[in-house]
């Protein structure tokens, strides 16, 4: 594809119910989330 030489990708990992559990950014930074029993994000870990 033209103009995509520096293409960067962000990936997402989801739980069965659709909550985002982890995101991996183009610089390989991982962001993980913890959810409570109601499915609400309650904690974020970056690193």
C-alpha atoms as a PDB file:
ATOM      1  CA  UNK A   1       0.000   0.000   0.000  1.00  0.00           C
ATOM      2  CA  UNK A   2       1.186   3.443  -0.784  1.00  0.00           C
ATOM      3  CA  UNK A   3       2.012   5.715   2.164  1.00  0.00           C
ATOM      4  CA  UNK A   4       2.109   2.925   4.758  1.00  0.00           C
ATOM      5  CA  UNK A   5       5.863   2.559   5.281  1.00  0.00           C
ATOM      6  CA  UNK A   6       5.617   3.714   8.905  1.00  0.00           C
ATOM      7  CA  UNK A   7       2.377   1.964   9.725  1.00  0.00           C
ATOM      8  CA  UNK A   8       1.831   1.485  13.468  1.00  0.00           C
ATOM      9  CA  UNK A   9      -0.604  -0.936  15.038  1.00  0.00           C
ATOM     10  CA  UNK A  10      -2.422  -0.867  18.366  1.00  0.00           C
ATOM     11  CA  UNK A  11      -3.803  -4.228  19.462  1.00  0.00           C
ATOM     12  CA  UNK A  12      -6.617  -4.935  21.912  1.00  0.00           C
ATOM     13  CA  UNK A  13      -7.504  -8.023  23.958  1.00  0.00           C
ATOM     14  CA  UNK A  14     -11.105  -8.433  25.067  1.00  0.00           C
ATOM     15  CA  UNK A  15     -12.883 -10.550  27.694  1.00  0.00           C
ATOM     16  CA  UNK A  16     -15.751 -12.791  26.599  1.00  0.00           C
ATOM     17  CA  UNK A  17     -18.268 -10.145  27.706  1.00  0.00           C
ATOM     18  CA  UNK A  18     -16.587  -7.435  25.634  1.00  0.00           C
ATOM     19  CA  UNK A  19     -14.482  -5.577  28.196  1.00  0.00           C
ATOM     20  CA  UNK A  20     -11.054  -4.437  27.066  1.00  0.00           C
ATOM     21  CA  UNK A  21      -8.487  -6.306  29.168  1.00  0.00           C
ATOM     22  CA  UNK A  22      -5.263  -5.217  27.508  1.00  0.00           C
ATOM     23  CA  UNK A  23      -4.017  -2.732  24.931  1.00  0.00           C
ATOM     24  CA  UNK A  24      -0.581  -2.899  23.317  1.00  0.00           C
ATOM     25  CA  UNK A  25       0.496   0.421  21.843  1.00  0.00           C
ATOM     26  CA  UNK A  26       2.794   0.844  18.820  1.00  0.00           C
ATOM     27  CA  UNK A  27       5.790   1.473  21.114  1.00  0.00           C
ATOM     28  CA  UNK A  28       5.105  -1.903  22.869  1.00  0.00           C
ATOM     29  CA  UNK A  29       3.692  -0.222  25.976  1.00  0.00           C
ATOM     30  CA  UNK A  30       1.126  -2.521  27.566  1.00  0.00           C
ATOM     31  CA  UNK A  31      -1.946  -1.143  29.297  1.00  0.00           C
ATOM     32  CA  UNK A  32      -3.875  -3.740  31.285  1.00  0.00           C
ATOM     33  CA  UNK A  33      -7.196  -3.230  33.002  1.00  0.00           C
ATOM     34  CA  UNK A  34      -8.841  -4.910  35.955  1.00  0.00           C
ATOM     35  CA  UNK A  35     -12.613  -5.028  36.161  1.00  0.00           C
ATOM     36  CA  UNK A  36     -14.956  -5.514  39.087  1.00  0.00           C
ATOM     37  CA  UNK A  37     -17.705  -8.172  39.161  1.00  0.00           C
ATOM     38  CA  UNK A  38     -20.085  -5.729  37.430  1.00  0.00           C
ATOM     39  CA  UNK A  39     -17.684  -5.312  34.517  1.00  0.00           C
ATOM     40  CA  UNK A  40     -16.514  -1.806  35.379  1.00  0.00           C
ATOM     41  CA  UNK A  41     -12.863  -0.873  34.907  1.00  0.00           C
ATOM     42  CA  UNK A  42     -11.434  -0.231  38.338  1.00  0.00           C
ATOM     43  CA  UNK A  43      -7.661  -0.333  37.810  1.00  0.00           C
ATOM     44  CA  UNK A  44      -5.242   0.454  35.005  1.00  0.00           C
ATOM     45  CA  UNK A  45      -1.646  -0.758  34.814  1.00  0.00           C
ATOM     46  CA  UNK A  46       0.734   0.914  32.343  1.00  0.00           C
ATOM     47  CA  UNK A  47       4.128  -0.475  31.598  1.00  0.00           C
END
